[in-house]
Amino acid sequence: GAATLSVGGQASDHEAKLDIELAGLNLQALAPYLAQALTPRVDGKVSAKGSLDWSNAPGAERLQFVLASATLDALQVRDDQGRARRDDASLDRLALTDVNIDVPARRVVIGGAKLVKPFVAMARDAQGELNLAGWLAAPQDPEGDPTDTTEPAEEEIDDGVRVRCRGLGDVQDTEHRQQRQGQQRRCCNRNGL
């Protein structure tokens, strides 16, 4: 069946306190995002129940997630290149309880964890590298999409500094705000200038 997401609580432009419940999210729905970090196919179902507490009020900034429970069921990781299909890693279930994530403090506390039937097939190739090393996708070029043939746009800011932006495609007037030495910089493609 389809995944369900329910969110309830109170939110404003300065703070939010939300209860969140996710049930039965198939990891294949996240395949385009997972492919940015991992090369193998990843299957499984995720469910979680928790809350979000956020504020941007001066002196009271916070971003905290509390997961009462989170499960990953029927995980299968398959790298199908060059051989018959088989699981390279799998597990029946990963269950986490009482997880507290405090983003500003960079702190994660896990109250409980249970791992059921984990399996990882590790092997070395002729060069001595573990097959797991090949699971990480190549990092993205920080200069932008190498297939993007759009010329970088250039805009002069009031102080005479020139800013070049790449990878905006056919967007006509996109604002890309970036804090840099206390100044707002705006990037547009050549058609939007």
C-alpha atoms as a PDB file:
ATOM      1  CA  GLY A   1       0.000   0.000   0.000  1.00  0.00           C
ATOM      2  CA  ALA A   2       0.836   3.656  -0.132  1.00  0.00           C
ATOM      3  CA  ALA A   3       2.783   5.443   2.558  1.00  0.00           C
ATOM      4  CA  THR A   4       0.960   7.762   4.909  1.00  0.00           C
ATOM      5  CA  LEU A   5       2.216  10.935   6.518  1.00  0.00           C
ATOM      6  CA  SER A   6       0.327  12.819   9.186  1.00  0.00           C
ATOM      7  CA  VAL A   7       1.414  16.095  10.739  1.00  0.00           C
ATOM      8  CA  GLY A   8      -0.356  17.954  13.532  1.00  0.00           C
ATOM      9  CA  GLY A   9       0.515  20.775  15.866  1.00  0.00           C
ATOM     10  CA  GLN A  10       1.139  24.486  15.746  1.00  0.00           C
ATOM     11  CA  ALA A  11       3.413  26.458  13.448  1.00  0.00           C
ATOM     12  CA  SER A  12       4.175  30.085  12.688  1.00  0.00           C
ATOM     13  CA  ASP A  13       6.916  31.900  10.839  1.00  0.00           C
ATOM     14  CA  HIS A  14       9.006  31.928  14.054  1.00  0.00           C
ATOM     15  CA  GLU A  15       8.378  28.553  15.664  1.00  0.00           C
ATOM     16  CA  ALA A  16       6.806  25.157  15.176  1.00  0.00           C
ATOM     17  CA  LYS A  17       5.880  22.278  17.445  1.00  0.00           C
ATOM     18  CA  LEU A  18       4.676  19.377  15.343  1.00  0.00           C
ATOM     19  CA  ASP A  19       3.776  15.741  15.874  1.00  0.00           C
ATOM     20  CA  ILE A  20       4.728  13.662  12.843  1.00  0.00           C
ATOM     21  CA  GLU A  21       3.850  10.093  11.909  1.00  0.00           C
ATOM     22  CA  LEU A  22       5.128   8.304   8.812  1.00  0.00           C
ATOM     23  CA  ALA A  23       3.981   4.787   7.959  1.00  0.00           C
ATOM     24  CA  GLY A  24       5.148   2.422   5.241  1.00  0.00           C
ATOM     25  CA  LEU A  25       7.394   4.660   3.132  1.00  0.00           C
ATOM     26  CA  ASN A  26       9.016   2.478   0.470  1.00  0.00           C
ATOM     27  CA  LEU A  27      12.659   3.472  -0.021  1.00  0.00           C
ATOM     28  CA  GLN A  28      12.197   3.172  -3.787  1.00  0.00           C
ATOM     29  CA  ALA A  29      10.234   6.428  -3.571  1.00  0.00           C
ATOM     30  CA  LEU A  30      13.499   8.021  -2.428  1.00  0.00           C
ATOM     31  CA  ALA A  31      15.633   6.349  -5.134  1.00  0.00           C
ATOM     32  CA  PRO A  32      16.611   9.582  -6.952  1.00  0.00           C
ATOM     33  CA  TYR A  33      17.825  11.074  -3.666  1.00  0.00           C
ATOM     34  CA  LEU A  34      19.583   7.917  -2.462  1.00  0.00           C
ATOM     35  CA  ALA A  35      21.322   7.633  -5.850  1.00  0.00           C
ATOM     36  CA  GLN A  36      23.145  10.890  -5.124  1.00  0.00           C
ATOM     37  CA  ALA A  37      25.033   9.119  -2.327  1.00  0.00           C
ATOM     38  CA  LEU A  38      24.795   5.372  -3.087  1.00  0.00           C
ATOM     39  CA  THR A  39      25.219   3.362  -6.295  1.00  0.00           C
ATOM     40  CA  PRO A  40      23.370   0.135  -5.316  1.00  0.00           C
ATOM     41  CA  ARG A  41      19.608  -0.264  -5.419  1.00  0.00           C
ATOM     42  CA  VAL A  42      18.081   0.122  -1.940  1.00  0.00           C
ATOM     43  CA  ASP A  43      14.700  -1.392  -0.992  1.00  0.00           C
ATOM     44  CA  GLY A  44      12.888  -1.404   2.327  1.00  0.00           C
ATOM     45  CA  LYS A  45      10.122   0.320   4.265  1.00  0.00           C
ATOM     46  CA  VAL A  46      10.466   3.095   6.811  1.00  0.00           C
ATOM     47  CA  SER A  47       8.010   4.064   9.541  1.00  0.00           C
ATOM     48  CA  ALA A  48       8.489   6.641  12.286  1.00  0.00           C
ATOM     49  CA  LYS A  49       6.589   8.494  14.968  1.00  0.00           C
ATOM     50  CA  GLY A  50       7.960  11.603  16.608  1.00  0.00           C
ATOM     51  CA  SER A  51       7.961  15.347  16.975  1.00  0.00           C
ATOM     52  CA  LEU A  52       9.709  18.464  15.727  1.00  0.00           C
ATOM     53  CA  ASP A  53      10.468  21.525  17.858  1.00  0.00           C
ATOM     54  CA  TRP A  54      11.840  24.537  15.947  1.00  0.00           C
ATOM     55  CA  SER A  55      12.317  28.209  16.749  1.00  0.00           C
ATOM     56  CA  ASN A  56      14.250  31.040  15.144  1.00  0.00           C
ATOM     57  CA  ALA A  57      13.491  33.531  17.927  1.00  0.00           C
ATOM     58  CA  PRO A  58      16.619  35.543  18.861  1.00  0.00           C
ATOM     59  CA  GLY A  59      18.344  33.891  21.796  1.00  0.00           C
ATOM     60  CA  ALA A  60      16.024  30.875  21.679  1.00  0.00           C
ATOM     61  CA  GLU A  61      17.022  29.247  18.371  1.00  0.00           C
ATOM     62  CA  ARG A  62      16.450  25.509  18.306  1.00  0.00           C
ATOM     63  CA  LEU A  63      15.838  22.591  15.985  1.00  0.00           C
ATOM     64  CA  GLN A  64      15.134  19.305  17.709  1.00  0.00           C
ATOM     65  CA  PHE A  65      13.646  16.046  16.499  1.00  0.00           C
ATOM     66  CA  VAL A  66      12.407  13.418  18.926  1.00  0.00           C
ATOM     67  CA  LEU A  67      11.584   9.999  17.514  1.00  0.00           C
ATOM     68  CA  ALA A  68       9.539   7.881  19.887  1.00  0.00           C
ATOM     69  CA  SER A  69      10.053   5.033  17.432  1.00  0.00           C
ATOM     70  CA  ALA A  70      11.511   4.479  13.991  1.00  0.00           C
ATOM     71  CA  THR A  71      11.761   1.244  12.014  1.00  0.00           C
ATOM     72  CA  LEU A  72      13.432   0.149   8.821  1.00  0.00           C
ATOM     73  CA  ASP A  73      11.957  -3.151   7.626  1.00  0.00           C
ATOM     74  CA  ALA A  74      13.087  -5.592   4.918  1.00  0.00           C
ATOM     75  CA  LEU A  75      16.180  -3.626   3.876  1.00  0.00           C
ATOM     76  CA  GLN A  76      17.857  -4.987   0.750  1.00  0.00           C
ATOM     77  CA  VAL A  77      20.913  -3.411  -0.859  1.00  0.00           C
ATOM     78  CA  ARG A  78      21.778  -4.757  -4.312  1.00  0.00           C
ATOM     79  CA  ASP A  79      24.696  -3.897  -6.544  1.00  0.00           C
ATOM     80  CA  ASP A  80      23.656  -5.773  -9.690  1.00  0.00           C
ATOM     81  CA  GLN A  81      26.639  -4.836 -11.844  1.00  0.00           C
ATOM     82  CA  GLY A  82      28.354  -7.742 -13.600  1.00  0.00           C
ATOM     83  CA  ARG A  83      26.771 -10.704 -11.806  1.00  0.00           C
ATOM     84  CA  ALA A  84      23.560 -12.460 -10.950  1.00  0.00           C
ATOM     85  CA  ARG A  85      21.160 -10.541  -8.729  1.00  0.00           C
ATOM     86  CA  ARG A  86      21.704 -11.065  -5.012  1.00  0.00           C
ATOM     87  CA  ASP A  87      21.555  -9.042  -1.840  1.00  0.00           C
ATOM     88  CA  ASP A  88      24.855  -7.442  -0.899  1.00  0.00           C
ATOM     89  CA  ALA A  89      23.402  -6.282   2.399  1.00  0.00           C
ATOM     90  CA  SER A  90      20.107  -6.882   4.111  1.00  0.00           C
ATOM     91  CA  LEU A  91      18.345  -6.870   7.419  1.00  0.00           C
ATOM     92  CA  ASP A  92      14.913  -7.901   8.572  1.00  0.00           C
ATOM     93  CA  ARG A  93      14.456  -4.935  10.867  1.00  0.00           C
ATOM     94  CA  LEU A  94      16.211  -2.012  12.492  1.00  0.00           C
ATOM     95  CA  ALA A  95      14.143  -0.513  15.303  1.00  0.00           C
ATOM     96  CA  LEU A  96      15.146   2.649  17.154  1.00  0.00           C
ATOM     97  CA  THR A  97      13.422   4.070  20.219  1.00  0.00           C
ATOM     98  CA  ASP A  98      13.727   7.337  22.119  1.00  0.00           C
ATOM     99  CA  VAL A  99      15.945   9.083  19.569  1.00  0.00           C
ATOM    100  CA  ASN A 100      16.736  12.733  20.344  1.00  0.00           C
ATOM    101  CA  ILE A 101      18.386  14.843  17.651  1.00  0.00           C
ATOM    102  CA  ASP A 102      19.520  18.331  18.632  1.00  0.00           C
ATOM    103  CA  VAL A 103      20.744  19.923  15.394  1.00  0.00           C
ATOM    104  CA  PRO A 104      22.367  23.131  16.769  1.00  0.00           C
ATOM    105  CA  ALA A 105      24.198  21.125  19.453  1.00  0.00           C
ATOM    106  CA  ARG A 106      25.163  18.439  16.888  1.00  0.00           C
ATOM    107  CA  ARG A 107      24.019  15.771  19.315  1.00  0.00           C
ATOM    108  CA  VAL A 108      22.149  12.510  18.734  1.00  0.00           C
ATOM    109  CA  VAL A 109      21.044  10.300  21.626  1.00  0.00           C
ATOM    110  CA  ILE A 110      19.547   6.876  20.909  1.00  0.00           C
ATOM    111  CA  GLY A 111      17.619   5.321  23.780  1.00  0.00           C
ATOM    112  CA  GLY A 112      17.391   1.863  22.239  1.00  0.00           C
ATOM    113  CA  ALA A 113      18.292  -0.003  19.067  1.00  0.00           C
ATOM    114  CA  LYS A 114      17.439  -3.493  17.865  1.00  0.00           C
ATOM    115  CA  LEU A 115      18.910  -5.056  14.735  1.00  0.00           C
ATOM    116  CA  VAL A 116      17.315  -8.285  13.437  1.00  0.00           C
ATOM    117  CA  LYS A 117      19.148 -10.587  10.992  1.00  0.00           C
ATOM    118  CA  PRO A 118      21.748  -8.237   9.524  1.00  0.00           C
ATOM    119  CA  PHE A 119      23.793  -9.490   6.561  1.00  0.00           C
ATOM    120  CA  VAL A 120      26.649  -7.887   4.594  1.00  0.00           C
ATOM    121  CA  ALA A 121      28.543  -9.655   1.791  1.00  0.00           C
ATOM    122  CA  MET A 122      32.045  -8.188   1.786  1.00  0.00           C
ATOM    123  CA  ALA A 123      34.657  -9.118  -0.803  1.00  0.00           C
ATOM    124  CA  ARG A 124      37.940  -7.718  -2.075  1.00  0.00           C
ATOM    125  CA  ASP A 125      38.588  -7.160  -5.770  1.00  0.00           C
ATOM    126  CA  ALA A 126      41.881  -7.796  -7.585  1.00  0.00           C
ATOM    127  CA  GLN A 127      43.200  -4.405  -6.401  1.00  0.00           C
ATOM    128  CA  GLY A 128      42.378  -5.233  -2.779  1.00  0.00           C
ATOM    129  CA  GLU A 129      39.452  -2.795  -2.469  1.00  0.00           C
ATOM    130  CA  LEU A 130      36.341  -3.809  -0.580  1.00  0.00           C
ATOM    131  CA  ASN A 131      33.179  -3.999  -2.669  1.00  0.00           C
ATOM    132  CA  LEU A 132      31.530  -1.662  -0.148  1.00  0.00           C
ATOM    133  CA  ALA A 133      33.842   1.162  -1.247  1.00  0.00           C
ATOM    134  CA  GLY A 134      32.198   1.117  -4.671  1.00  0.00           C
ATOM    135  CA  TRP A 135      28.780   1.785  -3.155  1.00  0.00           C
ATOM    136  CA  LEU A 136      29.467   5.475  -2.684  1.00  0.00           C
ATOM    137  CA  ALA A 137      28.411   7.611  -5.638  1.00  0.00           C
ATOM    138  CA  ALA A 138      30.946   9.965  -7.167  1.00  0.00           C
ATOM    139  CA  PRO A 139      30.759  13.396  -5.541  1.00  0.00           C
ATOM    140  CA  GLN A 140      28.918  16.093  -7.466  1.00  0.00           C
ATOM    141  CA  ASP A 141      31.018  18.771  -9.152  1.00  0.00           C
ATOM    142  CA  PRO A 142      30.807  21.858  -6.903  1.00  0.00           C
ATOM    143  CA  GLU A 143      30.976  24.053 -10.021  1.00  0.00           C
ATOM    144  CA  GLY A 144      27.610  22.706 -11.155  1.00  0.00           C
ATOM    145  CA  ASP A 145      26.114  20.131 -13.483  1.00  0.00           C
ATOM    146  CA  PRO A 146      28.734  19.094 -16.090  1.00  0.00           C
ATOM    147  CA  THR A 147      25.931  18.560 -18.648  1.00  0.00           C
ATOM    148  CA  ASP A 148      24.658  22.122 -18.210  1.00  0.00           C
ATOM    149  CA  THR A 149      25.774  24.135 -21.241  1.00  0.00           C
ATOM    150  CA  THR A 150      24.270  27.394 -20.014  1.00  0.00           C
ATOM    151  CA  GLU A 151      26.866  30.117 -19.858  1.00  0.00           C
ATOM    152  CA  PRO A 152      27.408  31.383 -16.341  1.00  0.00           C
ATOM    153  CA  ALA A 153      25.467  34.546 -15.641  1.00  0.00           C
ATOM    154  CA  GLU A 154      27.346  37.499 -14.331  1.00  0.00           C
ATOM    155  CA  GLU A 155      25.966  40.360 -12.293  1.00  0.00           C
ATOM    156  CA  GLU A 156      27.677  43.372 -10.786  1.00  0.00           C
ATOM    157  CA  ILE A 157      26.828  44.157  -7.178  1.00  0.00           C
ATOM    158  CA  ASP A 158      26.808  47.754  -5.911  1.00  0.00           C
ATOM    159  CA  ASP A 159      30.321  47.514  -4.474  1.00  0.00           C
ATOM    160  CA  GLY A 160      31.817  46.556  -7.861  1.00  0.00           C
ATOM    161  CA  VAL A 161      32.120  42.844  -7.059  1.00  0.00           C
ATOM    162  CA  ARG A 162      31.126  40.570  -9.955  1.00  0.00           C
ATOM    163  CA  VAL A 163      29.227  37.346  -9.162  1.00  0.00           C
ATOM    164  CA  ARG A 164      29.091  34.390 -11.561  1.00  0.00           C
ATOM    165  CA  CYS A 165      26.339  31.783 -11.260  1.00  0.00           C
ATOM    166  CA  ARG A 166      26.156  28.485 -13.109  1.00  0.00           C
ATOM    167  CA  GLY A 167      23.592  25.736 -13.489  1.00  0.00           C
ATOM    168  CA  LEU A 168      20.366  27.741 -13.512  1.00  0.00           C
ATOM    169  CA  GLY A 169      19.248  26.228 -16.838  1.00  0.00           C
ATOM    170  CA  ASP A 170      16.320  27.969 -18.501  1.00  0.00           C
ATOM    171  CA  VAL A 171      15.066  29.692 -15.379  1.00  0.00           C
ATOM    172  CA  GLN A 172      14.344  33.283 -16.352  1.00  0.00           C
ATOM    173  CA  ASP A 173      14.625  35.155 -13.064  1.00  0.00           C
ATOM    174  CA  THR A 174      15.778  32.975 -10.213  1.00  0.00           C
ATOM    175  CA  GLU A 175      16.997  34.533  -7.013  1.00  0.00           C
ATOM    176  CA  HIS A 176      19.711  32.603  -5.257  1.00  0.00           C
ATOM    177  CA  ARG A 177      20.459  34.346  -2.006  1.00  0.00           C
ATOM    178  CA  GLN A 178      23.761  33.743  -0.325  1.00  0.00           C
ATOM    179  CA  GLN A 179      25.104  35.397   2.790  1.00  0.00           C
ATOM    180  CA  ARG A 180      28.688  36.385   2.079  1.00  0.00           C
ATOM    181  CA  GLN A 181      30.475  38.898   4.229  1.00  0.00           C
ATOM    182  CA  GLY A 182      27.120  40.309   5.344  1.00  0.00           C
ATOM    183  CA  GLN A 183      25.859  41.140   1.847  1.00  0.00           C
ATOM    184  CA  GLN A 184      22.970  39.659  -0.138  1.00  0.00           C
ATOM    185  CA  ARG A 185      24.032  38.444  -3.580  1.00  0.00           C
ATOM    186  CA  ARG A 186      21.480  37.775  -6.327  1.00  0.00           C
ATOM    187  CA  CYS A 187      22.163  35.436  -9.258  1.00  0.00           C
ATOM    188  CA  CYS A 188      20.132  35.229 -12.417  1.00  0.00           C
ATOM    189  CA  ASN A 189      20.782  33.514 -15.690  1.00  0.00           C
ATOM    190  CA  ARG A 190      21.776  35.672 -18.646  1.00  0.00           C
ATOM    191  CA  ASN A 191      18.169  35.907 -19.919  1.00  0.00           C
ATOM    192  CA  GLY A 192      16.959  37.265 -16.588  1.00  0.00           C
ATOM    193  CA  LEU A 193      19.433  40.152 -16.294  1.00  0.00           C
END
